[in-house]
Amino acid sequence: MTTFIKSLFYALQGIKEVFSEKNFRIEILIGFFAIIASFILKTSLVDKEVIVLCIGLVLGSETMNTAAEQLADFVSPGHRDEIRRTKDLMAAAVLIFSIMSLAIGIIIFGNALLYA
C-alpha cells in the first residue's frame, strides 16, 4: 500500500508541475466553462460524460506534451531537428484532441441550443 501512496504523491506532484503551464490553465478554464454550460443547457447525462471525457483527453495529452518537451529540453538543450519534430508531433496530438473536443462540444451544445 505504501507504494501506491508514493505513486499517488508523485502523480500529484506532476499535476502541480503541469499547472505552471499556461496552456494547461487555459484548458482547465475552458473545461470548467463547458461543464457549467452543460448544466445551464440541461444536456443529457451521456453528453455530460462525453464532455468530461473530452476534457480529460485534452488535459492528459497536454500533460504528456509538457513531459515530453521537458525531457527533450533536458536531453538536448540545443536545437536539433529530431527533437523539434518530436515536440511538434506531441503538440499536434494536443491539437487533434482539442479540435475533436471542440467539434463534439459544437454538436452537444448546438443540439442543446437548437432544441431548448
C-alpha atoms as a PDB file:
ATOM      1  CA  MET A   1       0.000   0.000   0.000  1.00  0.00           C
ATOM      2  CA  THR A   2       2.874   2.394   0.671  1.00  0.00           C
ATOM      3  CA  THR A   3       3.992   2.024  -2.967  1.00  0.00           C
ATOM      4  CA  PHE A   4       0.520   3.125  -4.072  1.00  0.00           C
ATOM      5  CA  ILE A   5       0.626   6.132  -1.718  1.00  0.00           C
ATOM      6  CA  LYS A   6       4.051   7.106  -3.056  1.00  0.00           C
ATOM      7  CA  SER A   7       2.802   6.777  -6.639  1.00  0.00           C
ATOM      8  CA  LEU A   8      -0.195   8.944  -5.827  1.00  0.00           C
ATOM      9  CA  PHE A   9       2.091  11.549  -4.229  1.00  0.00           C
ATOM     10  CA  TYR A  10       4.309  11.625  -7.343  1.00  0.00           C
ATOM     11  CA  ALA A  11       1.269  11.942  -9.602  1.00  0.00           C
ATOM     12  CA  LEU A  12       0.009  14.880  -7.530  1.00  0.00           C
ATOM     13  CA  GLN A  13       3.458  16.472  -7.842  1.00  0.00           C
ATOM     14  CA  GLY A  14       3.108  16.074 -11.614  1.00  0.00           C
ATOM     15  CA  ILE A  15      -0.282  17.778 -11.576  1.00  0.00           C
ATOM     16  CA  LYS A  16       1.227  20.617  -9.557  1.00  0.00           C
ATOM     17  CA  GLU A  17       4.029  20.845 -12.137  1.00  0.00           C
ATOM     18  CA  VAL A  18       1.717  20.938 -15.157  1.00  0.00           C
ATOM     19  CA  PHE A  19      -0.381  23.707 -13.553  1.00  0.00           C
ATOM     20  CA  SER A  20       2.599  26.004 -14.147  1.00  0.00           C
ATOM     21  CA  GLU A  21       1.914  25.663 -17.889  1.00  0.00           C
ATOM     22  CA  LYS A  22      -0.198  28.479 -19.350  1.00  0.00           C
ATOM     23  CA  ASN A  23      -1.942  26.243 -21.916  1.00  0.00           C
ATOM     24  CA  PHE A  24      -2.962  23.766 -19.209  1.00  0.00           C
ATOM     25  CA  ARG A  25      -4.547  26.538 -17.128  1.00  0.00           C
ATOM     26  CA  ILE A  26      -6.402  27.841 -20.191  1.00  0.00           C
ATOM     27  CA  GLU A  27      -7.666  24.326 -20.973  1.00  0.00           C
ATOM     28  CA  ILE A  28      -8.824  23.897 -17.362  1.00  0.00           C
ATOM     29  CA  LEU A  29     -10.772  27.156 -17.638  1.00  0.00           C
ATOM     30  CA  ILE A  30     -12.381  26.154 -20.943  1.00  0.00           C
ATOM     31  CA  GLY A  31     -13.263  22.755 -19.459  1.00  0.00           C
ATOM     32  CA  PHE A  32     -14.809  24.413 -16.418  1.00  0.00           C
ATOM     33  CA  PHE A  33     -16.986  26.619 -18.635  1.00  0.00           C
ATOM     34  CA  ALA A  34     -18.001  23.594 -20.726  1.00  0.00           C
ATOM     35  CA  ILE A  35     -19.179  21.759 -17.604  1.00  0.00           C
ATOM     36  CA  ILE A  36     -21.087  24.826 -16.380  1.00  0.00           C
ATOM     37  CA  ALA A  37     -22.666  25.230 -19.847  1.00  0.00           C
ATOM     38  CA  SER A  38     -23.735  21.575 -19.815  1.00  0.00           C
ATOM     39  CA  PHE A  39     -25.728  22.188 -16.643  1.00  0.00           C
ATOM     40  CA  ILE A  40     -27.169  25.519 -17.803  1.00  0.00           C
ATOM     41  CA  LEU A  41     -28.289  23.970 -21.099  1.00  0.00           C
ATOM     42  CA  LYS A  42     -29.506  20.830 -19.309  1.00  0.00           C
ATOM     43  CA  THR A  43     -27.662  18.402 -21.549  1.00  0.00           C
ATOM     44  CA  SER A  44     -28.174  14.677 -21.010  1.00  0.00           C
ATOM     45  CA  LEU A  45     -26.053  12.640 -18.611  1.00  0.00           C
ATOM     46  CA  VAL A  46     -24.336  10.945 -21.554  1.00  0.00           C
ATOM     47  CA  ASP A  47     -23.493  14.355 -23.044  1.00  0.00           C
ATOM     48  CA  LYS A  48     -22.018  15.452 -19.710  1.00  0.00           C
ATOM     49  CA  GLU A  49     -19.958  12.264 -19.578  1.00  0.00           C
ATOM     50  CA  VAL A  50     -18.651  12.872 -23.103  1.00  0.00           C
ATOM     51  CA  ILE A  51     -17.726  16.452 -22.176  1.00  0.00           C
ATOM     52  CA  VAL A  52     -15.807  15.270 -19.106  1.00  0.00           C
ATOM     53  CA  LEU A  53     -14.072  12.611 -21.203  1.00  0.00           C
ATOM     54  CA  CYS A  54     -13.043  15.221 -23.787  1.00  0.00           C
ATOM     55  CA  ILE A  55     -11.693  17.491 -21.047  1.00  0.00           C
ATOM     56  CA  GLY A  56      -9.709  14.593 -19.610  1.00  0.00           C
ATOM     57  CA  LEU A  57      -8.256  13.689 -23.009  1.00  0.00           C
ATOM     58  CA  VAL A  58      -7.146  17.259 -23.704  1.00  0.00           C
ATOM     59  CA  LEU A  59      -5.648  17.719 -20.226  1.00  0.00           C
ATOM     60  CA  GLY A  60      -3.973  14.307 -20.313  1.00  0.00           C
ATOM     61  CA  SER A  61      -2.458  14.946 -23.732  1.00  0.00           C
ATOM     62  CA  GLU A  62      -1.277  18.389 -22.606  1.00  0.00           C
ATOM     63  CA  THR A  63       0.393  16.767 -19.606  1.00  0.00           C
ATOM     64  CA  MET A  64       2.157  14.225 -21.812  1.00  0.00           C
ATOM     65  CA  ASN A  65       3.197  17.005 -24.195  1.00  0.00           C
ATOM     66  CA  THR A  66       4.688  19.004 -21.326  1.00  0.00           C
ATOM     67  CA  ALA A  67       6.556  15.946 -20.041  1.00  0.00           C
ATOM     68  CA  ALA A  68       7.950  15.159 -23.495  1.00  0.00           C
ATOM     69  CA  GLU A  69       9.035  18.774 -24.020  1.00  0.00           C
ATOM     70  CA  GLN A  70      10.784  18.940 -20.652  1.00  0.00           C
ATOM     71  CA  LEU A  71      12.558  15.642 -21.267  1.00  0.00           C
ATOM     72  CA  ALA A  72      13.583  16.693 -24.780  1.00  0.00           C
ATOM     73  CA  ASP A  73      14.945  20.016 -23.499  1.00  0.00           C
ATOM     74  CA  PHE A  74      16.918  18.207 -20.802  1.00  0.00           C
ATOM     75  CA  VAL A  75      18.358  15.584 -23.134  1.00  0.00           C
ATOM     76  CA  SER A  76      19.164  18.052 -25.904  1.00  0.00           C
ATOM     77  CA  PRO A  77      19.173  21.713 -24.810  1.00  0.00           C
ATOM     78  CA  GLY A  78      20.407  22.897 -28.211  1.00  0.00           C
ATOM     79  CA  HIS A  79      18.401  22.971 -31.410  1.00  0.00           C
ATOM     80  CA  ARG A  80      18.113  19.587 -33.075  1.00  0.00           C
ATOM     81  CA  ASP A  81      15.724  18.850 -35.889  1.00  0.00           C
ATOM     82  CA  GLU A  82      14.809  15.417 -34.460  1.00  0.00           C
ATOM     83  CA  ILE A  83      13.841  16.988 -31.134  1.00  0.00           C
ATOM     84  CA  ARG A  84      11.822  19.719 -32.872  1.00  0.00           C
ATOM     85  CA  ARG A  85       9.882  17.105 -34.846  1.00  0.00           C
ATOM     86  CA  THR A  86       9.131  15.136 -31.686  1.00  0.00           C
ATOM     87  CA  LYS A  87       7.907  18.265 -29.919  1.00  0.00           C
ATOM     88  CA  ASP A  88       5.803  19.198 -32.954  1.00  0.00           C
ATOM     89  CA  LEU A  89       4.228  15.733 -33.001  1.00  0.00           C
ATOM     90  CA  MET A  90       3.350  15.943 -29.295  1.00  0.00           C
ATOM     91  CA  ALA A  91       1.845  19.395 -29.811  1.00  0.00           C
ATOM     92  CA  ALA A  92      -0.092  18.015 -32.791  1.00  0.00           C
ATOM     93  CA  ALA A  93      -1.597  15.319 -30.544  1.00  0.00           C
ATOM     94  CA  VAL A  94      -2.892  18.014 -28.172  1.00  0.00           C
ATOM     95  CA  LEU A  95      -4.253  19.977 -31.117  1.00  0.00           C
ATOM     96  CA  ILE A  96      -6.034  16.922 -32.524  1.00  0.00           C
ATOM     97  CA  PHE A  97      -7.687  16.160 -29.167  1.00  0.00           C
ATOM     98  CA  SER A  98      -8.611  19.838 -28.799  1.00  0.00           C
ATOM     99  CA  ILE A  99     -10.155  20.105 -32.274  1.00  0.00           C
ATOM    100  CA  MET A 100     -12.119  16.889 -31.794  1.00  0.00           C
ATOM    101  CA  SER A 101     -13.308  18.108 -28.387  1.00  0.00           C
ATOM    102  CA  LEU A 102     -14.374  21.409 -29.934  1.00  0.00           C
ATOM    103  CA  ALA A 103     -16.303  19.553 -32.647  1.00  0.00           C
ATOM    104  CA  ILE A 104     -18.015  17.379 -30.030  1.00  0.00           C
ATOM    105  CA  GLY A 105     -18.803  20.495 -27.991  1.00  0.00           C
ATOM    106  CA  ILE A 106     -20.338  22.202 -31.013  1.00  0.00           C
ATOM    107  CA  ILE A 107     -22.511  19.151 -31.636  1.00  0.00           C
ATOM    108  CA  ILE A 108     -23.607  18.788 -27.997  1.00  0.00           C
ATOM    109  CA  PHE A 109     -24.157  22.485 -27.266  1.00  0.00           C
ATOM    110  CA  GLY A 110     -25.570  23.220 -30.715  1.00  0.00           C
ATOM    111  CA  ASN A 111     -28.100  20.442 -30.260  1.00  0.00           C
ATOM    112  CA  ALA A 112     -28.971  21.694 -26.761  1.00  0.00           C
ATOM    113  CA  LEU A 113     -29.488  25.229 -28.036  1.00  0.00           C
ATOM    114  CA  LEU A 114     -31.416  24.090 -31.100  1.00  0.00           C
ATOM    115  CA  TYR A 115     -33.885  22.024 -29.100  1.00  0.00           C
ATOM    116  CA  ALA A 116     -34.080  24.169 -25.968  1.00  0.00           C
END
